[in-house]
PDB file of N, CA and C in Angstrom:
ATOM      1  N   MET A   1      -7.582  15.017  -8.868  1.00  0.00           N
ATOM      2  CA  MET A   1      -8.390  15.689  -7.581  1.00  0.00           C
ATOM      3  C   MET A   1      -8.041  14.379  -6.591  1.00  0.00           C
ATOM      4  N   GLU A   2      -7.327  14.741  -5.381  1.00  0.00           N
ATOM      5  CA  GLU A   2      -7.174  13.732  -4.438  1.00  0.00           C
ATOM      6  C   GLU A   2      -8.006  12.775  -4.006  1.00  0.00           C
ATOM      7  N   GLN A   3      -8.149  11.778  -3.983  1.00  0.00           N
ATOM      8  CA  GLN A   3      -9.104  10.622  -3.176  1.00  0.00           C
ATOM      9  C   GLN A   3      -8.395   9.777  -2.505  1.00  0.00           C
ATOM     10  N   THR A   4      -9.121   9.350  -1.493  1.00  0.00           N
ATOM     11  CA  THR A   4      -8.763   8.434  -0.337  1.00  0.00           C
ATOM     12  C   THR A   4      -9.397   7.015  -0.592  1.00  0.00           C
ATOM     13  N   PHE A   5      -8.395   6.009  -0.572  1.00  0.00           N
ATOM     14  CA  PHE A   5      -9.039   4.530  -0.227  1.00  0.00           C
ATOM     15  C   PHE A   5      -8.364   3.739   0.844  1.00  0.00           C
ATOM     16  N   VAL A   6      -9.369   3.175   1.509  1.00  0.00           N
ATOM     17  CA  VAL A   6      -9.083   2.350   2.970  1.00  0.00           C
ATOM     18  C   VAL A   6      -9.492   1.105   2.527  1.00  0.00           C
ATOM     19  N   PHE A   7      -8.221   0.217   2.758  1.00  0.00           N
ATOM     20  CA  PHE A   7      -8.013  -0.879   2.504  1.00  0.00           C
ATOM     21  C   PHE A   7      -7.891  -1.785   3.805  1.00  0.00           C
ATOM     22  N   ILE A   8      -8.560  -2.810   3.943  1.00  0.00           N
ATOM     23  CA  ILE A   8      -8.296  -3.709   5.081  1.00  0.00           C
ATOM     24  C   ILE A   8      -7.520  -5.004   4.783  1.00  0.00           C
ATOM     25  N   PRO A   9      -6.150  -4.815   5.522  1.00  0.00           N
ATOM     26  CA  PRO A   9      -5.445  -6.046   4.811  1.00  0.00           C
ATOM     27  C   PRO A   9      -5.738  -7.223   5.588  1.00  0.00           C
ATOM     28  N   LYS A  10      -5.026  -8.436   5.010  1.00  0.00           N
ATOM     29  CA  LYS A  10      -5.273  -9.680   5.386  1.00  0.00           C
ATOM     30  C   LYS A  10      -4.063 -10.463   5.778  1.00  0.00           C
ATOM     31  N   GLY A  11      -3.780 -10.856   6.966  1.00  0.00           N
ATOM     32  CA  GLY A  11      -3.009 -11.680   7.199  1.00  0.00           C
ATOM     33  C   GLY A  11      -1.581 -11.196   7.685  1.00  0.00           C
ATOM     34  N   VAL A  12      -1.595  -9.801   8.022  1.00  0.00           N
ATOM     35  CA  VAL A  12      -0.453  -9.161   8.716  1.00  0.00           C
ATOM     36  C   VAL A  12      -0.659  -8.435   9.831  1.00  0.00           C
ATOM     37  N   CYS A  13       0.002  -7.596  10.294  1.00  0.00           N
ATOM     38  CA  CYS A  13      -0.272  -6.973  11.817  1.00  0.00           C
ATOM     39  C   CYS A  13      -0.858  -5.454  11.493  1.00  0.00           C
ATOM     40  N   SER A  14      -0.698  -4.735  10.261  1.00  0.00           N
ATOM     41  CA  SER A  14      -1.535  -3.570   9.950  1.00  0.00           C
ATOM     42  C   SER A  14      -3.015  -4.279  10.020  1.00  0.00           C
ATOM     43  N   GLU A  15      -3.773  -3.207  10.590  1.00  0.00           N
ATOM     44  CA  GLU A  15      -5.410  -3.322  10.445  1.00  0.00           C
ATOM     45  C   GLU A  15      -5.968  -2.482   9.420  1.00  0.00           C
ATOM     46  N   LYS A  16      -5.163  -1.632   8.846  1.00  0.00           N
ATOM     47  CA  LYS A  16      -5.709  -0.617   7.803  1.00  0.00           C
ATOM     48  C   LYS A  16      -4.753   0.053   7.084  1.00  0.00           C
ATOM     49  N   ILE A  17      -4.701   0.231   5.904  1.00  0.00           N
ATOM     50  CA  ILE A  17      -4.133   0.995   4.967  1.00  0.00           C
ATOM     51  C   ILE A  17      -4.929   2.258   4.377  1.00  0.00           C
ATOM     52  N   SER A  18      -4.495   3.312   4.665  1.00  0.00           N
ATOM     53  CA  SER A  18      -5.243   4.697   3.594  1.00  0.00           C
ATOM     54  C   SER A  18      -4.263   5.124   2.781  1.00  0.00           C
ATOM     55  N   ILE A  19      -4.651   5.135   1.582  1.00  0.00           N
ATOM     56  CA  ILE A  19      -4.118   5.637   0.439  1.00  0.00           C
ATOM     57  C   ILE A  19      -4.658   6.839  -0.022  1.00  0.00           C
ATOM     58  N   VAL A  20      -4.152   7.893  -0.032  1.00  0.00           N
ATOM     59  CA  VAL A  20      -4.498   9.307  -0.607  1.00  0.00           C
ATOM     60  C   VAL A  20      -3.497   9.268  -1.875  1.00  0.00           C
ATOM     61  N   TYR A  21      -4.629   9.239  -2.976  1.00  0.00           N
ATOM     62  CA  TYR A  21      -3.804   9.425  -4.444  1.00  0.00           C
ATOM     63  C   TYR A  21      -4.650  10.313  -5.407  1.00  0.00           C
ATOM     64  N   ASP A  22      -3.832  10.727  -6.550  1.00  0.00           N
ATOM     65  CA  ASP A  22      -4.168  11.584  -7.197  1.00  0.00           C
ATOM     66  C   ASP A  22      -4.066  10.916  -8.944  1.00  0.00           C
ATOM     67  N   GLY A  23      -5.219  10.530  -9.442  1.00  0.00           N
ATOM     68  CA  GLY A  23      -5.204   9.937 -10.775  1.00  0.00           C
ATOM     69  C   GLY A  23      -4.110   8.700 -10.484  1.00  0.00           C
ATOM     70  N   ASP A  24      -3.064   8.344 -11.025  1.00  0.00           N
ATOM     71  CA  ASP A  24      -2.212   7.035 -10.470  1.00  0.00           C
ATOM     72  C   ASP A  24      -0.988   7.194  -9.611  1.00  0.00           C
ATOM     73  N   ILE A  25      -1.272   8.493  -9.077  1.00  0.00           N
ATOM     74  CA  ILE A  25      -0.199   8.985  -8.221  1.00  0.00           C
ATOM     75  C   ILE A  25      -0.220   8.708  -6.846  1.00  0.00           C
ATOM     76  N   VAL A  26       0.367   7.979  -5.984  1.00  0.00           N
ATOM     77  CA  VAL A  26       0.266   7.856  -4.896  1.00  0.00           C
ATOM     78  C   VAL A  26       0.616   9.292  -4.010  1.00  0.00           C
ATOM     79  N   LYS A  27      -0.103   9.852  -3.281  1.00  0.00           N
ATOM     80  CA  LYS A  27       0.298  11.072  -2.337  1.00  0.00           C
ATOM     81  C   LYS A  27       0.575  10.874  -1.040  1.00  0.00           C
ATOM     82  N   SER A  28      -0.110   9.788  -0.604  1.00  0.00           N
ATOM     83  CA  SER A  28       0.209   9.522   0.752  1.00  0.00           C
ATOM     84  C   SER A  28      -0.204   7.987   1.335  1.00  0.00           C
ATOM     85  N   VAL A  29       0.495   7.440   2.028  1.00  0.00           N
ATOM     86  CA  VAL A  29       0.175   6.019   2.538  1.00  0.00           C
ATOM     87  C   VAL A  29       0.047   5.851   4.271  1.00  0.00           C
ATOM     88  N   GLU A  30      -0.936   5.828   4.756  1.00  0.00           N
ATOM     89  CA  GLU A  30      -0.712   5.572   6.300  1.00  0.00           C
ATOM     90  C   GLU A  30      -1.066   4.192   6.545  1.00  0.00           C
ATOM     91  N   PHE A  31      -0.601   3.403   7.076  1.00  0.00           N
ATOM     92  CA  PHE A  31      -0.896   2.474   7.992  1.00  0.00           C
ATOM     93  C   PHE A  31      -1.239   2.430   9.410  1.00  0.00           C
ATOM     94  N   THR A  32      -2.276   1.877   9.826  1.00  0.00           N
ATOM     95  CA  THR A  32      -2.790   1.630  11.192  1.00  0.00           C
ATOM     96  C   THR A  32      -2.104   0.158  11.671  1.00  0.00           C
ATOM     97  N   ARG A  33      -1.266   0.342  12.788  1.00  0.00           N
ATOM     98  CA  ARG A  33      -0.838  -0.932  13.560  1.00  0.00           C
ATOM     99  C   ARG A  33       0.386  -1.270  12.581  1.00  0.00           C
ATOM    100  N   GLY A  34       0.965  -2.330  12.927  1.00  0.00           N
ATOM    101  CA  GLY A  34       2.284  -2.952  12.128  1.00  0.00           C
ATOM    102  C   GLY A  34       3.456  -2.381  12.630  1.00  0.00           C
ATOM    103  N   CYS A  35       4.475  -2.823  12.267  1.00  0.00           N
ATOM    104  CA  CYS A  35       6.021  -2.194  12.633  1.00  0.00           C
ATOM    105  C   CYS A  35       5.997  -0.723  12.165  1.00  0.00           C
ATOM    106  N   PRO A  36       6.102   0.122  13.385  1.00  0.00           N
ATOM    107  CA  PRO A  36       6.139   1.397  12.978  1.00  0.00           C
ATOM    108  C   PRO A  36       7.089   2.064  12.161  1.00  0.00           C
ATOM    109  N   GLY A  37       8.651   1.405  12.265  1.00  0.00           N
ATOM    110  CA  GLY A  37       9.487   2.171  11.323  1.00  0.00           C
ATOM    111  C   GLY A  37       9.497   1.189  10.106  1.00  0.00           C
ATOM    112  N   ASN A  38       8.813   0.279   9.752  1.00  0.00           N
ATOM    113  CA  ASN A  38       8.391  -0.137   8.187  1.00  0.00           C
ATOM    114  C   ASN A  38       7.586   0.372   7.790  1.00  0.00           C
ATOM    115  N   THR A  39       6.733   0.635   8.309  1.00  0.00           N
ATOM    116  CA  THR A  39       5.368   1.076   7.683  1.00  0.00           C
ATOM    117  C   THR A  39       5.453   2.885   7.218  1.00  0.00           C
ATOM    118  N   VAL A  40       5.986   3.368   8.349  1.00  0.00           N
ATOM    119  CA  VAL A  40       6.586   5.131   8.079  1.00  0.00           C
ATOM    120  C   VAL A  40       7.170   4.871   6.622  1.00  0.00           C
ATOM    121  N   GLY A  41       8.305   4.205   6.905  1.00  0.00           N
ATOM    122  CA  GLY A  41       9.187   3.881   5.513  1.00  0.00           C
ATOM    123  C   GLY A  41       8.533   3.789   4.117  1.00  0.00           C
ATOM    124  N   VAL A  42       8.003   2.802   4.392  1.00  0.00           N
ATOM    125  CA  VAL A  42       7.205   2.346   3.108  1.00  0.00           C
ATOM    126  C   VAL A  42       6.053   3.387   2.689  1.00  0.00           C
ATOM    127  N   GLY A  43       5.411   3.860   3.871  1.00  0.00           N
ATOM    128  CA  GLY A  43       4.758   5.384   3.425  1.00  0.00           C
ATOM    129  C   GLY A  43       5.401   6.231   2.613  1.00  0.00           C
ATOM    130  N   ARG A  44       6.427   6.801   3.175  1.00  0.00           N
ATOM    131  CA  ARG A  44       7.299   7.642   2.930  1.00  0.00           C
ATOM    132  C   ARG A  44       7.844   7.444   1.189  1.00  0.00           C
ATOM    133  N   LEU A  45       8.285   6.278   1.177  1.00  0.00           N
ATOM    134  CA  LEU A  45       9.086   5.884  -0.145  1.00  0.00           C
ATOM    135  C   LEU A  45       7.894   5.820  -1.322  1.00  0.00           C
ATOM    136  N   CYS A  46       6.813   5.866  -0.913  1.00  0.00           N
ATOM    137  CA  CYS A  46       5.714   5.634  -1.980  1.00  0.00           C
ATOM    138  C   CYS A  46       5.186   6.992  -2.140  1.00  0.00           C
ATOM    139  N   GLN A  47       5.717   8.080  -1.501  1.00  0.00           N
ATOM    140  CA  GLN A  47       4.839   9.152  -2.126  1.00  0.00           C
ATOM    141  C   GLN A  47       5.439   9.943  -3.667  1.00  0.00           C
ATOM    142  N   ASN A  48       4.338  10.198  -3.858  1.00  0.00           N
ATOM    143  CA  ASN A  48       4.553  10.886  -5.637  1.00  0.00           C
ATOM    144  C   ASN A  48       5.146   9.656  -6.641  1.00  0.00           C
ATOM    145  N   ARG A  49       4.812   8.525  -6.133  1.00  0.00           N
ATOM    146  CA  ARG A  49       5.112   7.387  -7.187  1.00  0.00           C
ATOM    147  C   ARG A  49       3.947   6.872  -7.946  1.00  0.00           C
ATOM    148  N   SER A  50       4.143   6.235  -8.882  1.00  0.00           N
ATOM    149  CA  SER A  50       2.725   5.779  -9.819  1.00  0.00           C
ATOM    150  C   SER A  50       2.481   4.569  -9.304  1.00  0.00           C
ATOM    151  N   PHE A  51       1.174   4.102  -9.388  1.00  0.00           N
ATOM    152  CA  PHE A  51       0.593   2.511  -8.983  1.00  0.00           C
ATOM    153  C   PHE A  51       1.756   1.744  -9.794  1.00  0.00           C
ATOM    154  N   ASP A  52       1.875   1.734 -11.303  1.00  0.00           N
ATOM    155  CA  ASP A  52       2.303   0.924 -12.142  1.00  0.00           C
ATOM    156  C   ASP A  52       4.255   0.883 -11.804  1.00  0.00           C
ATOM    157  N   GLU A  53       4.684   1.807 -10.998  1.00  0.00           N
ATOM    158  CA  GLU A  53       5.911   1.877 -10.318  1.00  0.00           C
ATOM    159  C   GLU A  53       6.081   0.792  -8.999  1.00  0.00           C
ATOM    160  N   LEU A  54       5.116   0.995  -8.015  1.00  0.00           N
ATOM    161  CA  LEU A  54       5.060   0.542  -7.074  1.00  0.00           C
ATOM    162  C   LEU A  54       4.845  -0.740  -6.709  1.00  0.00           C
ATOM    163  N   ILE A  55       3.749  -1.080  -7.680  1.00  0.00           N
ATOM    164  CA  ILE A  55       3.163  -2.552  -7.741  1.00  0.00           C
ATOM    165  C   ILE A  55       4.265  -3.878  -7.674  1.00  0.00           C
ATOM    166  N   PRO A  56       5.088  -3.688  -8.783  1.00  0.00           N
ATOM    167  CA  PRO A  56       5.981  -4.700  -9.068  1.00  0.00           C
ATOM    168  C   PRO A  56       7.169  -4.656  -7.972  1.00  0.00           C
ATOM    169  N   LEU A  57       7.074  -3.803  -7.051  1.00  0.00           N
ATOM    170  CA  LEU A  57       8.145  -3.436  -6.183  1.00  0.00           C
ATOM    171  C   LEU A  57       7.908  -3.755  -4.890  1.00  0.00           C
ATOM    172  N   LEU A  58       6.442  -3.671  -4.515  1.00  0.00           N
ATOM    173  CA  LEU A  58       5.808  -4.258  -3.261  1.00  0.00           C
ATOM    174  C   LEU A  58       5.258  -5.686  -3.275  1.00  0.00           C
ATOM    175  N   GLU A  59       4.862  -6.152  -4.539  1.00  0.00           N
ATOM    176  CA  GLU A  59       4.169  -7.514  -4.723  1.00  0.00           C
ATOM    177  C   GLU A  59       4.925  -8.578  -4.620  1.00  0.00           C
ATOM    178  N   GLY A  60       4.509  -9.382  -3.516  1.00  0.00           N
ATOM    179  CA  GLY A  60       5.352 -10.633  -3.300  1.00  0.00           C
ATOM    180  C   GLY A  60       6.115 -10.996  -1.991  1.00  0.00           C
ATOM    181  N   ILE A  61       6.208  -9.463  -1.581  1.00  0.00           N
ATOM    182  CA  ILE A  61       7.347  -9.457  -0.125  1.00  0.00           C
ATOM    183  C   ILE A  61       6.379 -10.375   0.768  1.00  0.00           C
ATOM    184  N   PRO A  62       7.594 -11.509   1.286  1.00  0.00           N
ATOM    185  CA  PRO A  62       6.721 -11.960   2.245  1.00  0.00           C
ATOM    186  C   PRO A  62       7.275 -11.403   3.904  1.00  0.00           C
ATOM    187  N   CYS A  63       6.575 -11.674   5.174  1.00  0.00           N
ATOM    188  CA  CYS A  63       6.883 -11.155   6.239  1.00  0.00           C
ATOM    189  C   CYS A  63       6.963 -12.340   6.977  1.00  0.00           C
ATOM    190  N   ARG A  64       8.332 -12.644   7.413  1.00  0.00           N
ATOM    191  CA  ARG A  64       8.539 -13.795   8.641  1.00  0.00           C
ATOM    192  C   ARG A  64       8.280 -15.028   7.927  1.00  0.00           C
ATOM    193  N   ASN A  65       7.466 -15.915   8.267  1.00  0.00           N
ATOM    194  CA  ASN A  65       7.042 -16.934   7.877  1.00  0.00           C
ATOM    195  C   ASN A  65       5.444 -17.035   6.955  1.00  0.00           C
ATOM    196  N   LYS A  66       5.084 -15.720   6.804  1.00  0.00           N
ATOM    197  CA  LYS A  66       3.528 -15.488   6.227  1.00  0.00           C
ATOM    198  C   LYS A  66       4.140 -15.345   4.830  1.00  0.00           C
ATOM    199  N   PRO A  67       3.190 -15.663   4.119  1.00  0.00           N
ATOM    200  CA  PRO A  67       3.410 -15.393   2.576  1.00  0.00           C
ATOM    201  C   PRO A  67       2.677 -13.874   1.741  1.00  0.00           C
ATOM    202  N   THR A  68       2.563 -13.330   2.807  1.00  0.00           N
ATOM    203  CA  THR A  68       2.570 -11.683   2.445  1.00  0.00           C
ATOM    204  C   THR A  68       2.921 -10.920   3.677  1.00  0.00           C
ATOM    205  N   SER A  69       2.808  -9.565   3.252  1.00  0.00           N
ATOM    206  CA  SER A  69       3.411  -8.581   4.104  1.00  0.00           C
ATOM    207  C   SER A  69       2.577  -7.153   4.121  1.00  0.00           C
ATOM    208  N   CYS A  70       3.008  -6.343   4.901  1.00  0.00           N
ATOM    209  CA  CYS A  70       2.314  -4.908   4.803  1.00  0.00           C
ATOM    210  C   CYS A  70       2.614  -4.595   3.226  1.00  0.00           C
ATOM    211  N   PRO A  71       3.915  -4.212   2.883  1.00  0.00           N
ATOM    212  CA  PRO A  71       4.075  -3.825   1.617  1.00  0.00           C
ATOM    213  C   PRO A  71       3.337  -4.710   0.348  1.00  0.00           C
ATOM    214  N   ASP A  72       3.550  -6.144   0.358  1.00  0.00           N
ATOM    215  CA  ASP A  72       2.453  -6.686  -0.381  1.00  0.00           C
ATOM    216  C   ASP A  72       0.926  -6.407  -0.563  1.00  0.00           C
ATOM    217  N   GLN A  73       0.220  -6.249   0.787  1.00  0.00           N
ATOM    218  CA  GLN A  73      -0.748  -5.739   0.631  1.00  0.00           C
ATOM    219  C   GLN A  73      -1.291  -4.469   0.286  1.00  0.00           C
ATOM    220  N   LEU A  74      -0.209  -3.497   0.290  1.00  0.00           N
ATOM    221  CA  LEU A  74      -0.235  -2.139  -0.057  1.00  0.00           C
ATOM    222  C   LEU A  74      -0.614  -2.489  -1.751  1.00  0.00           C
ATOM    223  N   ALA A  75       0.374  -3.410  -2.110  1.00  0.00           N
ATOM    224  CA  ALA A  75       0.348  -3.467  -3.602  1.00  0.00           C
ATOM    225  C   ALA A  75      -0.870  -4.110  -3.945  1.00  0.00           C
ATOM    226  N   GLN A  76      -1.614  -5.092  -3.416  1.00  0.00           N
ATOM    227  CA  GLN A  76      -3.034  -5.725  -3.588  1.00  0.00           C
ATOM    228  C   GLN A  76      -3.931  -4.359  -3.711  1.00  0.00           C
ATOM    229  N   ALA A  77      -3.661  -3.448  -2.594  1.00  0.00           N
ATOM    230  CA  ALA A  77      -4.731  -2.124  -2.764  1.00  0.00           C
ATOM    231  C   ALA A  77      -4.650  -1.421  -3.690  1.00  0.00           C
ATOM    232  N   LEU A  78      -3.566  -1.268  -4.176  1.00  0.00           N
ATOM    233  CA  LEU A  78      -3.003  -0.698  -5.545  1.00  0.00           C
ATOM    234  C   LEU A  78      -3.791  -1.228  -6.724  1.00  0.00           C
ATOM    235  N   LYS A  79      -3.672  -2.176  -6.812  1.00  0.00           N
ATOM    236  CA  LYS A  79      -4.116  -2.951  -7.912  1.00  0.00           C
ATOM    237  C   LYS A  79      -5.687  -3.122  -7.819  1.00  0.00           C
ATOM    238  N   ILE A  80      -6.273  -3.001  -6.622  1.00  0.00           N
ATOM    239  CA  ILE A  80      -7.559  -2.820  -6.720  1.00  0.00           C
ATOM    240  C   ILE A  80      -8.001  -1.250  -7.317  1.00  0.00           C
ATOM    241  N   ILE A  81      -7.577  -0.028  -6.767  1.00  0.00           N
ATOM    242  CA  ILE A  81      -7.710   0.980  -7.041  1.00  0.00           C
ATOM    243  C   ILE A  81      -7.571   1.319  -8.605  1.00  0.00           C
ATOM    244  N   ARG A  82      -6.176   0.654  -9.143  1.00  0.00           N
ATOM    245  CA  ARG A  82      -5.908   0.768 -10.478  1.00  0.00           C
ATOM    246  C   ARG A  82      -7.312  -0.095 -11.159  1.00  0.00           C
ATOM    247  N   ASP A  83      -7.574  -1.354 -11.164  1.00  0.00           N
ATOM    248  CA  ASP A  83      -8.393  -2.122 -11.863  1.00  0.00           C
ATOM    249  C   ASP A  83      -9.883  -1.087 -11.751  1.00  0.00           C
ATOM    250  N   GLN A  84     -10.293  -0.567 -10.704  1.00  0.00           N
ATOM    251  CA  GLN A  84     -11.658   0.083 -10.697  1.00  0.00           C
ATOM    252  C   GLN A  84     -11.587   1.439 -11.476  1.00  0.00           C
ATOM    253  N   LYS A  85     -10.356   2.112 -11.758  1.00  0.00           N
ATOM    254  CA  LYS A  85     -10.145   3.108 -12.508  1.00  0.00           C
ATOM    255  C   LYS A  85     -10.638   2.636 -14.057  1.00  0.00           C
ATOM    256  N   ASN A  86     -10.267   1.553 -14.485  1.00  0.00           N
ATOM    257  CA  ASN A  86      -9.801   0.948 -15.736  1.00  0.00           C
ATOM    258  C   ASN A  86     -11.663   0.379 -16.110  1.00  0.00           C
TER     259      ASN A  86
END
């Protein structure tokens, strides 16, 4: 059954990340604000991939001189969903 999780990222240009998932599979990701090309691209690349596949790919990516990024914040959101399920 598909569920939606809304995450408010910290330290990035995006103001909100909406994740639709089914079990441990991401169905869609939508960023509110941020760099449109990058956030749309990241969202599409995440479709139909598992949390365990995506977290190590996205976690720890910096943006400019920031220690985090929109992909890193998405990884943090996926970790919260995963941990709440266990």
